[in-house]
Amino acid sequence: MSNIKECLVCKKPSTEIPVTKFYYQESEFYICPQHMPTIIHNPQELIGLLPGADKLQGG
Protein backbone atom coordinates (compact mmCIF):
# COMPACT_ATOMS: atom_id res chain seq x y z
CA MET A 1 0.00 0.00 0.00
CA SER A 2 1.43 3.35 -0.97
CA ASN A 3 1.34 6.51 1.14
CA ILE A 4 -1.05 8.15 -1.32
CA LYS A 5 -4.52 8.46 0.15
CA GLU A 6 -6.75 7.62 -2.81
CA CYS A 7 -10.02 5.82 -3.32
CA LEU A 8 -9.58 2.10 -3.82
CA VAL A 9 -12.08 2.14 -6.69
CA CYS A 10 -11.80 5.41 -8.63
CA LYS A 11 -8.20 6.23 -7.61
CA LYS A 12 -9.04 9.89 -6.94
CA PRO A 13 -6.71 11.32 -4.27
CA SER A 14 -7.76 12.91 -1.00
CA THR A 15 -6.62 16.25 -2.42
CA GLU A 16 -9.62 16.10 -4.82
CA ILE A 17 -12.31 14.27 -2.84
CA PRO A 18 -12.90 13.18 0.76
CA VAL A 19 -11.82 9.62 1.51
CA THR A 20 -12.44 7.38 4.51
CA LYS A 21 -9.80 5.02 5.84
CA PHE A 22 -10.74 1.43 6.64
CA TYR A 23 -8.76 -1.59 7.75
CA TYR A 24 -8.99 -5.07 6.27
CA GLN A 25 -6.64 -8.02 6.73
CA GLU A 26 -4.11 -5.98 8.71
CA SER A 27 -3.87 -3.35 5.92
CA GLU A 28 -5.39 0.08 5.51
CA PHE A 29 -7.32 1.28 2.49
CA TYR A 30 -9.27 4.38 1.50
CA ILE A 31 -12.65 4.73 -0.16
CA CYS A 32 -14.62 7.79 -1.25
CA PRO A 33 -18.29 8.46 -0.39
CA GLN A 34 -19.38 7.63 -3.95
CA HIS A 35 -17.97 4.10 -3.66
CA MET A 36 -18.84 3.40 0.00
CA PRO A 37 -22.07 1.61 -1.10
CA THR A 38 -19.94 -0.73 -3.22
CA ILE A 39 -18.09 -2.10 -0.23
CA ILE A 40 -21.37 -2.51 1.67
CA HIS A 41 -23.75 -3.83 -0.99
CA ASN A 42 -21.58 -5.15 -3.86
CA PRO A 43 -18.16 -6.13 -2.51
CA GLN A 44 -17.73 -8.60 -5.39
CA GLU A 45 -17.06 -5.52 -7.56
CA LEU A 46 -13.86 -5.04 -5.54
CA ILE A 47 -12.33 -8.32 -6.70
CA GLY A 48 -8.90 -7.44 -8.06
CA LEU A 49 -8.83 -4.19 -6.07
CA LEU A 50 -9.15 -5.48 -2.51
CA PRO A 51 -7.37 -8.67 -1.46
CA GLY A 52 -9.90 -11.26 -0.30
CA ALA A 53 -12.90 -9.41 -1.76
CA ASP A 54 -14.13 -12.70 -3.18
CA LYS A 55 -14.81 -13.83 0.40
CA LEU A 56 -17.00 -10.81 1.28
CA GLN A 57 -20.79 -10.88 1.13
CA GLY A 58 -22.97 -7.89 0.36
CA GLY A 59 -25.42 -6.54 2.90
PDB file of N, CA and C in Angstrom:
ATOM      1  N   MET A   1       0.848  -1.183   0.000  1.00  0.00           N
ATOM      2  CA  MET A   1       0.000   0.000   0.000  1.00  0.00           C
ATOM      3  C   MET A   1       0.887   1.237   0.000  1.00  0.00           C
ATOM      4  N   SER A   2       0.622   2.131  -0.882  1.00  0.00           N
ATOM      5  CA  SER A   2       1.429   3.345  -0.973  1.00  0.00           C
ATOM      6  C   SER A   2       0.956   4.362   0.061  1.00  0.00           C
ATOM      7  N   ASN A   3       1.699   5.453   0.201  1.00  0.00           N
ATOM      8  CA  ASN A   3       1.341   6.513   1.135  1.00  0.00           C
ATOM      9  C   ASN A   3       0.292   7.448   0.568  1.00  0.00           C
ATOM     10  N   ILE A   4      -0.052   7.295  -0.691  1.00  0.00           N
ATOM     11  CA  ILE A   4      -1.048   8.147  -1.321  1.00  0.00           C
ATOM     12  C   ILE A   4      -2.425   7.742  -0.818  1.00  0.00           C
ATOM     13  N   LYS A   5      -3.176   8.723  -0.338  1.00  0.00           N
ATOM     14  CA  LYS A   5      -4.525   8.462   0.154  1.00  0.00           C
ATOM     15  C   LYS A   5      -5.494   8.661  -1.007  1.00  0.00           C
ATOM     16  N   GLU A   6      -5.852   7.551  -1.658  1.00  0.00           N
ATOM     17  CA  GLU A   6      -6.750   7.624  -2.809  1.00  0.00           C
ATOM     18  C   GLU A   6      -7.805   6.542  -2.697  1.00  0.00           C
ATOM     19  N   CYS A   7      -8.929   6.782  -3.333  1.00  0.00           N
ATOM     20  CA  CYS A   7     -10.024   5.819  -3.321  1.00  0.00           C
ATOM     21  C   CYS A   7      -9.582   4.515  -3.975  1.00  0.00           C
ATOM     22  N   LEU A   8      -9.900   3.432  -3.326  1.00  0.00           N
ATOM     23  CA  LEU A   8      -9.576   2.098  -3.816  1.00  0.00           C
ATOM     24  C   LEU A   8     -10.178   1.841  -5.197  1.00  0.00           C
ATOM     25  N   VAL A   9     -11.348   2.414  -5.456  1.00  0.00           N
ATOM     26  CA  VAL A   9     -12.079   2.136  -6.693  1.00  0.00           C
ATOM     27  C   VAL A   9     -11.729   3.127  -7.804  1.00  0.00           C
ATOM     28  N   CYS A  10     -11.960   4.419  -7.558  1.00  0.00           N
ATOM     29  CA  CYS A  10     -11.801   5.412  -8.633  1.00  0.00           C
ATOM     30  C   CYS A  10     -10.405   6.031  -8.686  1.00  0.00           C
ATOM     31  N   LYS A  11      -9.590   5.762  -7.671  1.00  0.00           N
ATOM     32  CA  LYS A  11      -8.198   6.233  -7.611  1.00  0.00           C
ATOM     33  C   LYS A  11      -8.063   7.746  -7.464  1.00  0.00           C
ATOM     34  N   LYS A  12      -9.152   8.452  -7.161  1.00  0.00           N
ATOM     35  CA  LYS A  12      -9.044   9.894  -6.937  1.00  0.00           C
ATOM     36  C   LYS A  12      -8.390  10.130  -5.581  1.00  0.00           C
ATOM     37  N   PRO A  13      -7.437  11.072  -5.526  1.00  0.00           N
ATOM     38  CA  PRO A  13      -6.715  11.317  -4.275  1.00  0.00           C
ATOM     39  C   PRO A  13      -7.515  12.172  -3.296  1.00  0.00           C
ATOM     40  N   SER A  14      -7.087  12.136  -2.047  1.00  0.00           N
ATOM     41  CA  SER A  14      -7.761  12.909  -1.001  1.00  0.00           C
ATOM     42  C   SER A  14      -7.602  14.413  -1.203  1.00  0.00           C
ATOM     43  N   THR A  15      -6.737  14.822  -2.104  1.00  0.00           N
ATOM     44  CA  THR A  15      -6.617  16.248  -2.424  1.00  0.00           C
ATOM     45  C   THR A  15      -7.765  16.712  -3.313  1.00  0.00           C
ATOM     46  N   GLU A  16      -8.490  15.764  -3.937  1.00  0.00           N
ATOM     47  CA  GLU A  16      -9.620  16.096  -4.817  1.00  0.00           C
ATOM     48  C   GLU A  16     -10.973  15.785  -4.196  1.00  0.00           C
ATOM     49  N   ILE A  17     -11.044  14.701  -3.425  1.00  0.00           N
ATOM     50  CA  ILE A  17     -12.312  14.267  -2.836  1.00  0.00           C
ATOM     51  C   ILE A  17     -12.059  13.772  -1.413  1.00  0.00           C
ATOM     52  N   PRO A  18     -13.098  13.767  -0.570  1.00  0.00           N
ATOM     53  CA  PRO A  18     -12.901  13.180   0.757  1.00  0.00           C
ATOM     54  C   PRO A  18     -12.796  11.665   0.655  1.00  0.00           C
ATOM     55  N   VAL A  19     -11.948  11.076   1.447  1.00  0.00           N
ATOM     56  CA  VAL A  19     -11.825   9.620   1.505  1.00  0.00           C
ATOM     57  C   VAL A  19     -11.872   9.179   2.968  1.00  0.00           C
ATOM     58  N   THR A  20     -12.362   7.972   3.178  1.00  0.00           N
ATOM     59  CA  THR A  20     -12.440   7.377   4.507  1.00  0.00           C
ATOM     60  C   THR A  20     -11.485   6.203   4.571  1.00  0.00           C
ATOM     61  N   LYS A  21     -10.740   6.131   5.660  1.00  0.00           N
ATOM     62  CA  LYS A  21      -9.801   5.024   5.839  1.00  0.00           C
ATOM     63  C   LYS A  21     -10.540   3.848   6.473  1.00  0.00           C
ATOM     64  N   PHE A  22     -10.246   2.633   5.985  1.00  0.00           N
ATOM     65  CA  PHE A  22     -10.744   1.432   6.640  1.00  0.00           C
ATOM     66  C   PHE A  22      -9.633   0.393   6.660  1.00  0.00           C
ATOM     67  N   TYR A  23      -9.765  -0.542   7.572  1.00  0.00           N
ATOM     68  CA  TYR A  23      -8.763  -1.590   7.748  1.00  0.00           C
ATOM     69  C   TYR A  23      -9.360  -2.929   7.355  1.00  0.00           C
ATOM     70  N   TYR A  24      -8.571  -3.728   6.665  1.00  0.00           N
ATOM     71  CA  TYR A  24      -8.991  -5.067   6.268  1.00  0.00           C
ATOM     72  C   TYR A  24      -7.748  -5.930   6.133  1.00  0.00           C
ATOM     73  N   GLN A  25      -7.763  -7.077   6.760  1.00  0.00           N
ATOM     74  CA  GLN A  25      -6.644  -8.024   6.730  1.00  0.00           C
ATOM     75  C   GLN A  25      -5.316  -7.354   7.083  1.00  0.00           C
ATOM     76  N   GLU A  26      -5.326  -6.618   8.190  1.00  0.00           N
ATOM     77  CA  GLU A  26      -4.112  -5.976   8.711  1.00  0.00           C
ATOM     78  C   GLU A  26      -3.552  -4.870   7.808  1.00  0.00           C
ATOM     79  N   SER A  27      -4.306  -4.438   6.815  1.00  0.00           N
ATOM     80  CA  SER A  27      -3.868  -3.355   5.923  1.00  0.00           C
ATOM     81  C   SER A  27      -4.884  -2.224   5.970  1.00  0.00           C
ATOM     82  N   GLU A  28      -4.457  -1.041   5.568  1.00  0.00           N
ATOM     83  CA  GLU A  28      -5.386   0.081   5.515  1.00  0.00           C
ATOM     84  C   GLU A  28      -5.634   0.480   4.069  1.00  0.00           C
ATOM     85  N   PHE A  29      -6.873   0.885   3.816  1.00  0.00           N
ATOM     86  CA  PHE A  29      -7.318   1.277   2.488  1.00  0.00           C
ATOM     87  C   PHE A  29      -8.169   2.531   2.629  1.00  0.00           C
ATOM     88  N   TYR A  30      -8.433   3.188   1.512  1.00  0.00           N
ATOM     89  CA  TYR A  30      -9.267   4.381   1.502  1.00  0.00           C
ATOM     90  C   TYR A  30     -10.366   4.202   0.470  1.00  0.00           C
ATOM     91  N   ILE A  31     -11.536   4.781   0.776  1.00  0.00           N
ATOM     92  CA  ILE A  31     -12.652   4.726  -0.162  1.00  0.00           C
ATOM     93  C   ILE A  31     -13.403   6.048  -0.080  1.00  0.00           C
ATOM     94  N   CYS A  32     -13.904   6.515  -1.209  1.00  0.00           N
ATOM     95  CA  CYS A  32     -14.621   7.786  -1.248  1.00  0.00           C
ATOM     96  C   CYS A  32     -16.116   7.553  -0.988  1.00  0.00           C
ATOM     97  N   PRO A  33     -16.859   8.610  -0.665  1.00  0.00           N
ATOM     98  CA  PRO A  33     -18.289   8.463  -0.389  1.00  0.00           C
ATOM     99  C   PRO A  33     -19.077   7.863  -1.557  1.00  0.00           C
ATOM    100  N   GLN A  34     -18.681   8.156  -2.775  1.00  0.00           N
ATOM    101  CA  GLN A  34     -19.380   7.626  -3.945  1.00  0.00           C
ATOM    102  C   GLN A  34     -19.288   6.101  -4.001  1.00  0.00           C
ATOM    103  N   HIS A  35     -18.178   5.542  -3.559  1.00  0.00           N
ATOM    104  CA  HIS A  35     -17.975   4.097  -3.655  1.00  0.00           C
ATOM    105  C   HIS A  35     -18.186   3.351  -2.343  1.00  0.00           C
ATOM    106  N   MET A  36     -18.539   4.056  -1.273  1.00  0.00           N
ATOM    107  CA  MET A  36     -18.838   3.400  -0.002  1.00  0.00           C
ATOM    108  C   MET A  36     -19.958   2.359  -0.157  1.00  0.00           C
ATOM    109  N   PRO A  37     -21.030   2.639  -0.913  1.00  0.00           N
ATOM    110  CA  PRO A  37     -22.069   1.612  -1.101  1.00  0.00           C
ATOM    111  C   PRO A  37     -21.546   0.337  -1.762  1.00  0.00           C
ATOM    112  N   THR A  38     -20.516   0.450  -2.570  1.00  0.00           N
ATOM    113  CA  THR A  38     -19.943  -0.728  -3.224  1.00  0.00           C
ATOM    114  C   THR A  38     -19.400  -1.704  -2.196  1.00  0.00           C
ATOM    115  N   ILE A  39     -18.675  -1.203  -1.227  1.00  0.00           N
ATOM    116  CA  ILE A  39     -18.086  -2.095  -0.226  1.00  0.00           C
ATOM    117  C   ILE A  39     -19.159  -2.708   0.673  1.00  0.00           C
ATOM    118  N   ILE A  40     -20.286  -2.011   0.823  1.00  0.00           N
ATOM    119  CA  ILE A  40     -21.367  -2.515   1.671  1.00  0.00           C
ATOM    120  C   ILE A  40     -22.278  -3.477   0.915  1.00  0.00           C
ATOM    121  N   HIS A  41     -22.724  -3.081  -0.271  1.00  0.00           N
ATOM    122  CA  HIS A  41     -23.749  -3.833  -0.993  1.00  0.00           C
ATOM    123  C   HIS A  41     -23.226  -4.739  -2.103  1.00  0.00           C
ATOM    124  N   ASN A  42     -22.109  -4.387  -2.723  1.00  0.00           N
ATOM    125  CA  ASN A  42     -21.582  -5.148  -3.864  1.00  0.00           C
ATOM    126  C   ASN A  42     -20.078  -5.376  -3.752  1.00  0.00           C
ATOM    127  N   PRO A  43     -19.613  -5.977  -2.669  1.00  0.00           N
ATOM    128  CA  PRO A  43     -18.162  -6.134  -2.508  1.00  0.00           C
ATOM    129  C   PRO A  43     -17.515  -6.986  -3.593  1.00  0.00           C
ATOM    130  N   GLN A  44     -18.296  -7.794  -4.304  1.00  0.00           N
ATOM    131  CA  GLN A  44     -17.732  -8.598  -5.394  1.00  0.00           C
ATOM    132  C   GLN A  44     -17.156  -7.704  -6.492  1.00  0.00           C
ATOM    133  N   GLU A  45     -17.612  -6.462  -6.577  1.00  0.00           N
ATOM    134  CA  GLU A  45     -17.062  -5.522  -7.557  1.00  0.00           C
ATOM    135  C   GLU A  45     -15.637  -5.092  -7.191  1.00  0.00           C
ATOM    136  N   LEU A  46     -15.204  -5.410  -5.991  1.00  0.00           N
ATOM    137  CA  LEU A  46     -13.859  -5.040  -5.544  1.00  0.00           C
ATOM    138  C   LEU A  46     -12.836  -6.138  -5.789  1.00  0.00           C
ATOM    139  N   ILE A  47     -13.263  -7.242  -6.388  1.00  0.00           N
ATOM    140  CA  ILE A  47     -12.326  -8.321  -6.701  1.00  0.00           C
ATOM    141  C   ILE A  47     -11.258  -7.772  -7.648  1.00  0.00           C
ATOM    142  N   GLY A  48     -10.023  -7.982  -7.300  1.00  0.00           N
ATOM    143  CA  GLY A  48      -8.905  -7.443  -8.063  1.00  0.00           C
ATOM    144  C   GLY A  48      -8.407  -6.112  -7.519  1.00  0.00           C
ATOM    145  N   LEU A  49      -9.226  -5.464  -6.684  1.00  0.00           N
ATOM    146  CA  LEU A  49      -8.830  -4.194  -6.075  1.00  0.00           C
ATOM    147  C   LEU A  49      -8.535  -4.350  -4.592  1.00  0.00           C
ATOM    148  N   LEU A  50      -9.276  -5.254  -3.946  1.00  0.00           N
ATOM    149  CA  LEU A  50      -9.151  -5.485  -2.514  1.00  0.00           C
ATOM    150  C   LEU A  50      -8.843  -6.956  -2.283  1.00  0.00           C
ATOM    151  N   PRO A  51      -7.698  -7.268  -1.695  1.00  0.00           N
ATOM    152  CA  PRO A  51      -7.366  -8.673  -1.455  1.00  0.00           C
ATOM    153  C   PRO A  51      -8.447  -9.351  -0.616  1.00  0.00           C
ATOM    154  N   GLY A  52      -8.890 -10.520  -1.039  1.00  0.00           N
ATOM    155  CA  GLY A  52      -9.902 -11.263  -0.301  1.00  0.00           C
ATOM    156  C   GLY A  52     -11.324 -10.810  -0.539  1.00  0.00           C
ATOM    157  N   ALA A  53     -11.548  -9.907  -1.486  1.00  0.00           N
ATOM    158  CA  ALA A  53     -12.900  -9.408  -1.756  1.00  0.00           C
ATOM    159  C   ALA A  53     -13.838 -10.522  -2.188  1.00  0.00           C
ATOM    160  N   ASP A  54     -13.297 -11.579  -2.751  1.00  0.00           N
ATOM    161  CA  ASP A  54     -14.135 -12.696  -3.182  1.00  0.00           C
ATOM    162  C   ASP A  54     -14.772 -13.424  -1.998  1.00  0.00           C
ATOM    163  N   LYS A  55     -14.267 -13.186  -0.792  1.00  0.00           N
ATOM    164  CA  LYS A  55     -14.813 -13.829   0.401  1.00  0.00           C
ATOM    165  C   LYS A  55     -15.867 -12.970   1.095  1.00  0.00           C
ATOM    166  N   LEU A  56     -16.046 -11.727   0.652  1.00  0.00           N
ATOM    167  CA  LEU A  56     -17.000 -10.814   1.277  1.00  0.00           C
ATOM    168  C   LEU A  56     -18.399 -11.024   0.713  1.00  0.00           C
ATOM    169  N   GLN A  57     -19.403 -10.794   1.563  1.00  0.00           N
ATOM    170  CA  GLN A  57     -20.793 -10.882   1.130  1.00  0.00           C
ATOM    171  C   GLN A  57     -21.439  -9.521   1.275  1.00  0.00           C
ATOM    172  N   GLY A  58     -22.263  -9.155   0.307  1.00  0.00           N
ATOM    173  CA  GLY A  58     -22.972  -7.887   0.356  1.00  0.00           C
ATOM    174  C   GLY A  58     -24.057  -7.889   1.412  1.00  0.00           C
ATOM    175  N   GLY A  59     -24.398  -6.674   1.870  1.00  0.00           N
ATOM    176  CA  GLY A  59     -25.416  -6.540   2.905  1.00  0.00           C
ATOM    177  C   GLY A  59     -26.758  -6.197   2.360  1.00  0.00           C
TER     178      GLY A  59
END
